[in-house]
Amino acid sequence: MINRIICFCLFLTLLVSCGEDDAAPKHEEGPLPVITWVMSSGRFRIQTGESIQLVPDIEHLDETSVYTWTMEGDTIGHDTYYTFTTDSAGVYFIQLTVSNRYGAVSDEVKITVEEAENTELPEIPEHSGWRYPWSGINVAQGRTINVVAYVDGRRLSTVFAASEQGTHKVVLSDDATGQEQEFNINVCPPAGTYRRSSEGQTMVNRVYAYMPAPGHQVNGYIITGKSYPDDCTHEQACDSVLAHFSRKWSVSLGGQGGYLIAGFDHSVTAGGADYDLCIKGNPFSYQSEPGIIWVSQDDNGDGLPNDQWFELAGSEYGTDNHATEYAITYFRPEKKKSAVGWRDSNNETGYIPYMSYWNPSAYYWQPWQMGSTEMTFFGSRLRDRSTYENGISDIPPYDWGYADNLGDLFNGPAGKMGYYKIANARTWDGKPANLEYVDFIKVQTAQTGSTPNLGEISTEVYYIGDCHN
């Protein structure tokens, strides 16, 4: 009997011992791996036949770390990166599991593969007729203005000194064609005559113009839906932009030259070393779409932005990356769902790509612009530095001074608010404008580039405000 008891106790001891041996080992406590994706949130878009290299950025690796890539439950790799390609359109999910001595974590990548489009590109016409930004303007007494026009790709200009109040006529003539254009310049009282109180609401209170260049994100796109109806008037579009600002929703300015003009219910005071204007965009270090900022005073006191504009100098002002007195003309395609061709004042040409997935509209030409077969935009231009490789776009920022641009000196977190100084306003010849205040602001897309998966570079604006109020 005693032997039986001893044997039973030994059996229990062995059973407990085996149970402890079979239990899963406990990991040391410590930081698990952290997975982030280089230049993306883990969602990628390519076309059939293209390849994309998935490159994770992993924190807390050690000598025990293992990478495991899987798709639809099958292991497809163990390298530190994975190259994906397919000839079949669809949505694909790839999982990555990374381990270290403390445990393992997983994350998922979504890759949308679209059928490669062989869109026939429309022919780009030659320049025809006159191109000019205005035929009448108000200028404060004591200032100068450069009157510029383009004909058949050639630039004509003359400098006018606003020394005597009243309306003055300036005529530009083209000897080669015999064409002439008459400009009316109204010389107003000196600057400051119609200055208003500096008190008022922080956000702009009116949008005077919304003239986007063609672009696939104008009027919303597949993710957010339309921003305004197909038969929208220009006035209704301006009201829609203001409503977007009140909610800090985005507005796209389309390709190079596209712009919006807004105004305040007061005069915004120049703060010297302080920032005066704030503009929210959605810039990131790998995707900045810089917009040039212009400011103006209400020189004739009529409450409308029909006065001289001054560019706010950014980091590239006056360098080889910056060009002034630039003009670009877009030509509406005859066929629906086509790319939009353009020709500029340097006689360079290019296209705004048609991207049916993002925006399947028949034309990237807005309702209030449909009466024209071509549109010309004037302003300044920044050099395009965008690249595209392995399915990933990189649109690097410039240092400072531009909307929707996350430069080294951007005064705000990624995707948030940027801040700007009126003291950086320049006259047409690059000299400090020495403005004491401004009433109106214009933001304008500054680059002509595009990439296959993101489309055209198009400045986005969410909000414009006075930093002092």
Protein backbone atom coordinates (compact mmCIF):
# COMPACT_ATOMS: atom_id res chain seq x y z
CA MET A 1 0.00 0.00 0.00
CA ILE A 2 2.82 2.37 0.89
CA ASN A 3 4.57 1.53 -2.38
CA ARG A 4 1.41 2.39 -4.27
CA ILE A 5 1.16 5.75 -2.52
CA ILE A 6 4.82 6.50 -3.27
CA CYS A 7 4.33 5.58 -6.93
CA PHE A 8 1.21 7.76 -7.18
CA CYS A 9 3.07 10.71 -5.65
CA LEU A 10 5.95 10.20 -8.09
CA PHE A 11 3.41 10.12 -10.93
CA LEU A 12 1.87 13.40 -9.77
CA THR A 13 5.31 14.96 -9.47
CA LEU A 14 6.23 13.91 -13.00
CA LEU A 15 2.87 15.09 -14.32
CA VAL A 16 3.28 18.53 -12.75
CA SER A 17 6.87 18.72 -13.96
CA CYS A 18 5.86 17.85 -17.53
CA GLY A 19 3.07 20.43 -17.40
CA GLU A 20 5.51 23.12 -16.39
CA ASP A 21 7.89 22.07 -19.15
CA ASP A 22 5.10 22.19 -21.77
CA ALA A 23 3.86 25.67 -20.76
CA ALA A 24 4.71 28.48 -23.25
CA PRO A 25 7.84 30.33 -22.18
CA LYS A 26 7.31 33.84 -20.92
CA HIS A 27 8.95 36.70 -22.87
CA GLU A 28 11.02 39.29 -21.13
CA GLU A 29 9.23 42.57 -20.74
CA GLY A 30 10.41 45.28 -23.08
CA PRO A 31 9.47 47.37 -26.14
CA LEU A 32 7.89 45.49 -29.04
CA PRO A 33 8.78 46.39 -32.63
CA VAL A 34 7.06 49.47 -34.09
CA ILE A 35 6.22 49.41 -37.83
CA THR A 36 5.81 52.58 -39.91
CA TRP A 37 5.90 52.94 -43.68
CA VAL A 38 8.37 55.14 -45.54
CA MET A 39 6.54 57.99 -47.35
CA SER A 40 3.09 56.48 -46.89
CA SER A 41 0.43 55.56 -44.36
CA GLY A 42 0.48 51.96 -45.61
CA ARG A 43 -1.78 52.57 -48.61
CA PHE A 44 -0.28 52.53 -52.07
CA ARG A 45 -1.62 52.92 -55.60
CA ILE A 46 0.02 51.63 -58.78
CA GLN A 47 -1.00 50.56 -62.27
CA THR A 48 -0.85 47.07 -63.75
CA GLY A 49 2.65 46.13 -64.78
CA GLU A 50 4.28 48.53 -62.33
CA SER A 51 6.21 47.38 -59.27
CA ILE A 52 6.36 48.89 -55.83
CA GLN A 53 8.98 48.30 -53.15
CA LEU A 54 7.48 48.14 -49.66
CA VAL A 55 10.04 49.50 -47.23
CA PRO A 56 9.07 49.54 -43.55
CA ASP A 57 10.77 51.62 -40.90
CA ILE A 58 11.11 49.40 -37.81
CA GLU A 59 11.98 50.49 -34.28
CA HIS A 60 13.26 48.19 -31.49
CA LEU A 61 14.95 45.55 -33.64
CA ASP A 62 17.52 43.20 -32.11
CA GLU A 63 19.61 40.17 -33.11
CA THR A 64 16.58 37.87 -32.77
CA SER A 65 14.35 39.90 -35.11
CA VAL A 66 12.60 38.14 -38.00
CA TYR A 67 10.56 39.65 -40.88
CA THR A 68 7.64 37.63 -42.28
CA TRP A 69 5.63 38.86 -45.30
CA THR A 70 2.33 37.13 -46.05
CA MET A 71 -0.51 37.55 -48.55
CA GLU A 72 -3.80 35.68 -48.39
CA GLY A 73 -2.32 33.49 -45.66
CA ASP A 74 0.76 32.44 -47.67
CA THR A 75 4.28 33.43 -46.69
CA ILE A 76 5.87 35.39 -49.54
CA GLY A 77 9.15 36.59 -48.06
CA HIS A 78 11.48 37.19 -45.10
CA ASP A 79 13.57 40.11 -46.37
CA THR A 80 13.58 43.57 -44.79
CA TYR A 81 11.61 44.82 -47.82
CA TYR A 82 9.20 43.31 -50.35
CA THR A 83 8.74 44.13 -54.04
CA PHE A 84 5.19 43.71 -55.31
CA THR A 85 4.02 43.65 -58.92
CA THR A 86 1.03 42.27 -60.79
CA ASP A 87 -0.70 42.42 -64.16
CA SER A 88 -4.15 42.08 -62.57
CA ALA A 89 -6.13 45.08 -61.35
CA GLY A 90 -7.65 44.84 -57.88
CA VAL A 91 -7.03 45.50 -54.21
CA TYR A 92 -4.29 43.54 -52.47
CA PHE A 93 -3.45 43.26 -48.76
CA ILE A 94 0.03 42.30 -47.61
CA GLN A 95 0.81 41.61 -43.96
CA LEU A 96 4.18 42.14 -42.31
CA THR A 97 5.05 40.55 -38.97
CA VAL A 98 8.25 41.61 -37.18
CA SER A 99 9.52 40.03 -33.98
CA ASN A 100 12.16 40.74 -31.37
CA ARG A 101 13.06 39.08 -28.07
CA TYR A 102 10.00 40.64 -26.42
CA GLY A 103 7.38 39.49 -28.89
CA ALA A 104 5.94 40.14 -32.37
CA VAL A 105 3.70 42.76 -34.01
CA SER A 106 1.92 42.82 -37.37
CA ASP A 107 0.76 45.53 -39.75
CA GLU A 108 -1.04 45.50 -43.09
CA VAL A 109 -0.40 47.28 -46.38
CA LYS A 110 -3.17 48.02 -48.88
CA ILE A 111 -2.17 48.22 -52.55
CA THR A 112 -4.73 49.34 -55.11
CA VAL A 113 -3.79 48.27 -58.63
CA GLU A 114 -5.53 50.05 -61.51
CA GLU A 115 -5.60 49.12 -65.16
CA ALA A 116 -2.95 51.08 -67.02
CA GLU A 117 -4.69 53.71 -69.12
CA ASN A 118 -3.54 54.35 -72.66
CA THR A 119 -5.16 57.74 -72.87
CA GLU A 120 -4.65 59.51 -76.16
CA LEU A 121 -3.10 62.89 -75.44
CA PRO A 122 -4.73 65.84 -77.22
CA GLU A 123 -2.71 68.07 -79.47
CA ILE A 124 -1.43 71.25 -77.81
CA PRO A 125 -2.24 74.34 -79.93
CA GLU A 126 0.15 77.17 -80.64
CA HIS A 127 -0.32 80.49 -78.86
CA SER A 128 -2.94 82.65 -80.54
CA GLY A 129 -4.00 86.20 -79.77
CA TRP A 130 -3.12 88.31 -76.76
CA ARG A 131 -2.55 87.02 -73.24
CA TYR A 132 -2.71 89.59 -70.45
CA PRO A 133 -3.77 89.50 -66.79
CA TRP A 134 -5.89 92.67 -66.74
CA SER A 135 -6.91 95.69 -68.76
CA GLY A 136 -7.47 98.03 -65.80
CA ILE A 137 -5.97 98.32 -62.33
CA ASN A 138 -5.78 100.68 -59.33
CA VAL A 139 -2.37 101.80 -58.08
CA ALA A 140 -1.52 104.02 -55.11
CA GLN A 141 0.18 107.28 -55.97
CA GLY A 142 3.96 107.10 -55.68
CA ARG A 143 4.27 103.46 -56.74
CA THR A 144 5.36 101.90 -60.03
CA ILE A 145 3.87 98.95 -61.90
CA ASN A 146 5.16 96.74 -64.69
CA VAL A 147 2.58 96.31 -67.45
CA VAL A 148 3.09 92.91 -69.10
CA ALA A 149 1.38 91.11 -72.00
CA TYR A 150 2.15 88.11 -74.21
CA VAL A 151 1.43 87.64 -77.89
CA ASP A 152 2.26 84.47 -79.81
CA GLY A 153 4.62 83.45 -77.02
CA ARG A 154 6.50 86.76 -76.97
CA ARG A 155 6.61 88.99 -73.90
CA LEU A 156 5.90 92.74 -74.07
CA SER A 157 6.19 95.10 -71.12
CA THR A 158 6.57 98.68 -69.98
CA VAL A 159 7.05 100.32 -66.58
CA PHE A 160 4.49 102.90 -65.47
CA ALA A 161 5.19 105.36 -62.62
CA ALA A 162 2.01 106.34 -60.78
CA SER A 163 2.98 109.95 -60.08
CA GLU A 164 -0.25 111.81 -60.87
CA GLN A 165 -3.72 110.85 -59.66
CA GLY A 166 -6.36 110.04 -62.25
CA THR A 167 -6.89 107.53 -65.06
CA HIS A 168 -4.01 106.97 -67.46
CA LYS A 169 -3.89 104.92 -70.64
CA VAL A 170 -0.92 102.70 -71.46
CA VAL A 171 -0.66 101.01 -74.87
CA LEU A 172 1.46 97.95 -75.63
CA SER A 173 2.17 97.38 -79.32
CA ASP A 174 3.58 94.35 -81.08
CA ASP A 175 5.54 95.43 -84.16
CA ALA A 176 5.56 91.92 -85.61
CA THR A 177 1.77 91.58 -85.77
CA GLY A 178 0.59 95.17 -85.51
CA GLN A 179 -1.65 94.27 -82.55
CA GLU A 180 -2.17 96.74 -79.74
CA GLN A 181 -3.63 96.46 -76.24
CA GLU A 182 -4.78 99.40 -74.19
CA PHE A 183 -4.55 99.35 -70.38
CA ASN A 184 -6.33 101.75 -68.02
CA ILE A 185 -4.38 102.54 -64.85
CA ASN A 186 -6.18 104.48 -62.13
CA VAL A 187 -3.71 106.29 -59.90
CA CYS A 188 -5.32 106.52 -56.44
CA PRO A 189 -4.46 108.59 -53.35
CA PRO A 190 -1.30 107.53 -51.49
CA ALA A 191 -1.19 104.18 -49.66
CA GLY A 192 -2.99 104.23 -46.32
CA THR A 193 -5.76 106.61 -47.39
CA TYR A 194 -8.38 103.84 -47.17
CA ARG A 195 -6.83 101.86 -44.34
CA ARG A 196 -9.46 100.29 -42.10
CA SER A 197 -9.48 99.30 -38.44
CA SER A 198 -7.16 96.44 -37.45
CA GLU A 199 -9.93 94.82 -35.41
CA GLY A 200 -12.17 92.15 -36.87
CA GLN A 201 -12.75 88.43 -37.18
CA THR A 202 -9.71 86.16 -37.45
CA MET A 203 -10.73 84.27 -40.60
CA VAL A 204 -11.21 85.89 -44.00
CA ASN A 205 -14.83 86.95 -44.37
CA ARG A 206 -15.19 86.75 -48.15
CA VAL A 207 -13.84 84.82 -51.12
CA TYR A 208 -13.81 87.05 -54.21
CA ALA A 209 -12.43 84.61 -56.77
CA TYR A 210 -11.95 80.87 -57.07
CA MET A 211 -10.24 80.11 -60.38
CA PRO A 212 -8.56 76.73 -60.12
CA ALA A 213 -6.47 75.43 -62.97
CA PRO A 214 -7.46 71.99 -64.28
CA GLY A 215 -6.84 69.24 -61.74
CA HIS A 216 -8.27 65.95 -60.55
CA GLN A 217 -8.78 67.14 -56.97
CA VAL A 218 -10.73 70.28 -57.85
CA ASN A 219 -14.39 69.93 -56.82
CA GLY A 220 -13.61 67.06 -54.54
CA TYR A 221 -12.85 63.58 -55.78
CA ILE A 222 -13.86 59.99 -55.20
CA ILE A 223 -13.00 59.98 -51.48
CA THR A 224 -14.88 63.11 -50.38
CA GLY A 225 -17.42 63.60 -53.16
CA LYS A 226 -18.33 66.81 -54.95
CA SER A 227 -17.81 70.19 -53.31
CA TYR A 228 -20.45 71.93 -55.45
CA PRO A 229 -23.03 70.91 -58.10
CA ASP A 230 -22.28 70.51 -61.79
CA ASP A 231 -24.15 73.70 -62.72
CA CYS A 232 -22.48 75.79 -60.01
CA THR A 233 -21.90 79.51 -60.67
CA HIS A 234 -18.67 81.27 -59.78
CA GLU A 235 -20.38 83.12 -56.93
CA GLN A 236 -21.71 79.86 -55.49
CA ALA A 237 -18.25 78.31 -55.77
CA CYS A 238 -16.73 81.24 -53.82
CA ASP A 239 -19.36 80.80 -51.10
CA SER A 240 -18.53 77.09 -51.00
CA VAL A 241 -14.83 77.86 -50.51
CA LEU A 242 -15.63 80.18 -47.58
CA ALA A 243 -17.84 77.48 -46.04
CA HIS A 244 -14.96 75.02 -46.40
CA PHE A 245 -12.63 77.42 -44.59
CA SER A 246 -15.06 77.77 -41.68
CA ARG A 247 -14.82 73.98 -41.21
CA LYS A 248 -11.12 73.77 -42.17
CA TRP A 249 -11.98 71.56 -45.14
CA SER A 250 -9.69 71.45 -48.14
CA VAL A 251 -9.94 73.40 -51.39
CA SER A 252 -7.70 72.43 -54.31
CA LEU A 253 -6.29 75.12 -56.60
CA GLY A 254 -5.52 72.68 -59.43
CA GLY A 255 -2.35 72.89 -61.48
CA GLN A 256 0.15 75.70 -61.98
CA GLY A 257 -1.40 79.16 -61.74
CA GLY A 258 -4.75 78.15 -60.23
CA TYR A 259 -5.70 80.58 -57.47
CA LEU A 260 -8.20 81.92 -54.98
CA ILE A 261 -8.59 85.49 -53.70
CA ALA A 262 -9.99 86.24 -50.25
CA GLY A 263 -10.34 89.33 -48.09
CA PHE A 264 -10.70 90.36 -44.44
CA ASP A 265 -13.31 92.53 -42.74
CA HIS A 266 -10.41 94.72 -41.53
CA SER A 267 -6.89 95.70 -42.49
CA VAL A 268 -4.28 93.16 -41.32
CA THR A 269 -1.39 95.02 -39.71
CA ALA A 270 2.20 94.16 -40.61
CA GLY A 271 3.83 92.97 -37.40
CA GLY A 272 7.50 93.45 -38.23
CA ALA A 273 9.27 90.37 -36.88
CA ASP A 274 5.94 88.75 -35.98
CA TYR A 275 3.88 86.54 -38.26
CA ASP A 276 0.78 88.19 -39.70
CA LEU A 277 -1.04 85.64 -41.86
CA CYS A 278 -1.80 81.97 -41.24
CA ILE A 279 -2.73 79.50 -43.96
CA LYS A 280 -3.54 75.86 -43.30
CA GLY A 281 -2.61 73.24 -45.86
CA ASN A 282 -1.82 69.52 -45.64
CA PRO A 283 1.92 69.42 -46.35
CA PHE A 284 4.28 66.59 -45.52
CA SER A 285 8.04 66.30 -46.02
CA TYR A 286 7.53 63.86 -48.90
CA GLN A 287 4.49 65.59 -50.39
CA SER A 288 4.50 69.36 -50.36
CA GLU A 289 2.64 71.26 -53.08
CA PRO A 290 3.84 74.84 -52.61
CA GLY A 291 1.62 77.80 -53.35
CA ILE A 292 2.93 81.34 -53.78
CA ILE A 293 1.21 83.95 -51.61
CA TRP A 294 0.28 87.45 -52.82
CA VAL A 295 -1.11 90.39 -50.84
CA SER A 296 -2.83 93.64 -51.78
CA GLN A 297 -4.17 96.86 -50.28
CA ASP A 298 -7.54 98.39 -51.19
CA ASP A 299 -5.95 101.39 -52.90
CA ASN A 300 -9.18 102.87 -54.29
CA GLY A 301 -11.35 102.06 -51.27
CA ASP A 302 -14.07 100.18 -53.17
CA GLY A 303 -13.73 96.98 -51.12
CA LEU A 304 -12.73 94.86 -54.13
CA PRO A 305 -9.38 93.20 -54.97
CA ASN A 306 -8.74 95.18 -58.16
CA ASP A 307 -5.50 96.76 -56.97
CA GLN A 308 -1.76 96.13 -57.28
CA TRP A 309 -0.53 92.74 -55.99
CA PHE A 310 2.73 92.06 -54.14
CA GLU A 311 4.37 88.65 -53.92
CA LEU A 312 5.48 87.41 -50.49
CA ALA A 313 9.09 86.38 -50.99
CA GLY A 314 9.85 82.82 -49.91
CA SER A 315 13.15 80.99 -49.64
CA GLU A 316 13.52 80.64 -53.43
CA TYR A 317 12.70 84.25 -54.35
CA GLY A 318 15.29 85.60 -56.79
CA THR A 319 17.03 82.22 -57.24
CA ASP A 320 17.15 79.93 -60.26
CA ASN A 321 14.25 78.00 -58.73
CA HIS A 322 11.94 81.02 -59.07
CA ALA A 323 10.60 82.79 -62.16
CA THR A 324 8.44 85.93 -62.21
CA GLU A 325 6.03 87.31 -64.84
CA TYR A 326 5.17 83.78 -65.89
CA ALA A 327 2.07 82.83 -67.90
CA ILE A 328 0.54 79.43 -68.63
CA THR A 329 -2.41 78.63 -70.92
CA TYR A 330 -4.56 75.49 -70.59
CA PHE A 331 -6.57 74.18 -73.55
CA ARG A 332 -9.87 72.41 -72.94
CA PRO A 333 -9.80 69.02 -74.73
CA GLU A 334 -12.45 68.27 -77.33
CA LYS A 335 -12.94 64.72 -76.06
CA LYS A 336 -14.33 63.98 -72.63
CA LYS A 337 -12.18 62.31 -69.98
CA SER A 338 -8.94 63.50 -71.56
CA ALA A 339 -5.73 65.00 -70.27
CA VAL A 340 -5.48 68.79 -70.45
CA GLY A 341 -2.63 70.23 -72.50
CA TRP A 342 -0.82 73.44 -71.62
CA ARG A 343 1.69 75.82 -73.17
CA ASP A 344 3.49 78.52 -71.20
CA SER A 345 5.23 81.84 -71.82
CA ASN A 346 8.54 79.98 -72.27
CA ASN A 347 6.89 77.93 -75.04
CA GLU A 348 7.20 74.81 -72.92
CA THR A 349 4.35 72.29 -73.06
CA GLY A 350 2.89 69.58 -70.86
CA TYR A 351 -0.30 67.92 -69.61
CA ILE A 352 -2.54 67.74 -66.57
CA PRO A 353 -3.19 63.97 -66.49
CA TYR A 354 -6.71 62.58 -66.48
CA MET A 355 -7.12 60.20 -63.52
CA SER A 356 -10.47 58.44 -63.69
CA TYR A 357 -10.09 56.65 -60.36
CA TRP A 358 -9.65 59.86 -58.38
CA ASN A 359 -12.08 62.02 -60.32
CA PRO A 360 -14.21 60.57 -63.15
CA SER A 361 -15.66 63.95 -64.20
CA ALA A 362 -16.07 64.43 -67.94
CA TYR A 363 -13.79 67.50 -67.88
CA TYR A 364 -11.33 68.93 -65.36
CA TRP A 365 -12.82 72.31 -66.32
CA GLN A 366 -15.18 73.85 -63.78
CA PRO A 367 -18.81 74.83 -64.53
CA TRP A 368 -18.18 78.61 -64.51
CA GLN A 369 -15.16 78.09 -66.80
CA MET A 370 -16.96 75.97 -69.41
CA GLY A 371 -17.65 79.00 -71.61
CA SER A 372 -13.96 79.19 -72.51
CA THR A 373 -11.88 76.80 -74.59
CA GLU A 374 -8.65 78.02 -73.01
CA MET A 375 -7.57 79.69 -69.77
CA THR A 376 -4.45 81.71 -69.06
CA PHE A 377 -2.98 82.21 -65.60
CA PHE A 378 -0.30 84.74 -64.64
CA GLY A 379 2.06 84.90 -61.67
CA SER A 380 5.35 83.38 -60.56
CA ARG A 381 6.63 79.85 -60.85
CA LEU A 382 8.77 77.55 -58.70
CA ARG A 383 10.88 74.80 -60.21
CA ASP A 384 9.28 71.35 -60.03
CA ARG A 385 11.46 68.84 -58.16
CA SER A 386 9.06 65.90 -57.93
CA THR A 387 10.22 62.33 -58.50
CA TYR A 388 8.52 58.96 -58.95
CA GLU A 389 10.20 55.61 -58.33
CA ASN A 390 8.94 52.13 -57.46
CA GLY A 391 5.36 53.35 -57.17
CA ILE A 392 6.23 56.08 -54.68
CA SER A 393 6.01 59.83 -55.36
CA ASP A 394 8.26 62.33 -53.65
CA ILE A 395 7.41 66.04 -53.86
CA PRO A 396 10.00 67.72 -51.64
CA PRO A 397 9.32 71.07 -49.97
CA TYR A 398 11.19 74.32 -50.27
CA ASP A 399 12.55 75.85 -47.07
CA TRP A 400 9.96 78.50 -46.19
CA GLY A 401 7.45 81.10 -47.30
CA TYR A 402 4.94 79.00 -49.30
CA ALA A 403 1.49 77.64 -48.56
CA ASP A 404 0.99 73.85 -48.30
CA ASN A 405 4.76 73.38 -47.98
CA LEU A 406 6.51 71.58 -45.10
CA GLY A 407 9.96 73.14 -45.32
CA ASP A 408 12.72 73.12 -42.74
CA LEU A 409 11.43 76.40 -41.33
CA PHE A 410 7.72 75.53 -41.51
CA ASN A 411 6.10 77.00 -38.41
CA GLY A 412 3.72 74.20 -37.57
CA PRO A 413 3.38 70.40 -37.49
CA ALA A 414 2.97 68.31 -40.63
CA GLY A 415 -0.42 68.72 -42.27
CA LYS A 416 -1.26 71.82 -40.22
CA MET A 417 -0.94 75.62 -40.19
CA GLY A 418 1.78 77.73 -41.78
CA TYR A 419 2.62 81.32 -40.79
CA TYR A 420 3.75 84.22 -42.99
CA LYS A 421 5.00 87.83 -42.74
CA ILE A 422 3.73 90.85 -44.65
CA ALA A 423 7.27 92.23 -44.32
CA ASN A 424 8.31 89.76 -47.04
CA ALA A 425 6.12 91.51 -49.66
CA ARG A 426 8.09 92.53 -52.75
CA THR A 427 7.44 94.96 -55.61
CA TRP A 428 7.56 93.80 -59.22
CA ASP A 429 11.30 94.59 -59.39
CA GLY A 430 12.15 92.61 -56.25
CA LYS A 431 12.40 95.47 -53.77
CA PRO A 432 10.72 95.46 -50.33
CA ALA A 433 7.20 96.83 -50.66
CA ASN A 434 7.24 98.16 -47.07
CA LEU A 435 3.51 97.53 -46.66
CA GLU A 436 2.07 98.58 -43.30
CA TYR A 437 -1.08 96.49 -43.78
CA VAL A 438 -2.98 94.36 -46.31
CA ASP A 439 -6.68 93.83 -47.11
CA PHE A 440 -6.62 90.97 -49.62
CA ILE A 441 -4.70 87.73 -50.06
CA LYS A 442 -4.20 85.43 -53.04
CA VAL A 443 -2.80 81.89 -52.97
CA GLN A 444 -1.64 80.36 -56.25
CA THR A 445 -0.26 76.93 -57.21
CA ALA A 446 3.42 77.42 -58.06
CA GLN A 447 4.60 74.26 -59.85
CA THR A 448 3.79 72.50 -63.13
CA GLY A 449 4.80 68.95 -62.18
CA SER A 450 2.82 65.72 -61.85
CA THR A 451 3.47 62.12 -60.85
CA PRO A 452 1.75 58.94 -62.12
CA ASN A 453 0.01 58.02 -58.86
CA LEU A 454 -0.72 61.48 -57.38
CA GLY A 455 -1.47 63.45 -60.54
CA GLU A 456 -0.70 67.15 -60.86
CA ILE A 457 0.95 69.17 -58.12
CA SER A 458 -1.92 71.26 -56.77
CA THR A 459 -1.80 73.52 -53.73
CA GLU A 460 -4.51 72.81 -51.16
CA VAL A 461 -5.85 75.39 -48.75
CA TYR A 462 -7.97 74.70 -45.65
CA TYR A 463 -8.06 78.09 -43.91
CA ILE A 464 -6.74 81.66 -44.11
CA GLY A 465 -6.59 83.93 -41.06
CA ASP A 466 -5.10 86.98 -39.34
CA CYS A 467 -2.50 85.93 -36.74
CA HIS A 468 -3.08 89.06 -34.66
CA ASN A 469 -6.81 88.56 -33.94
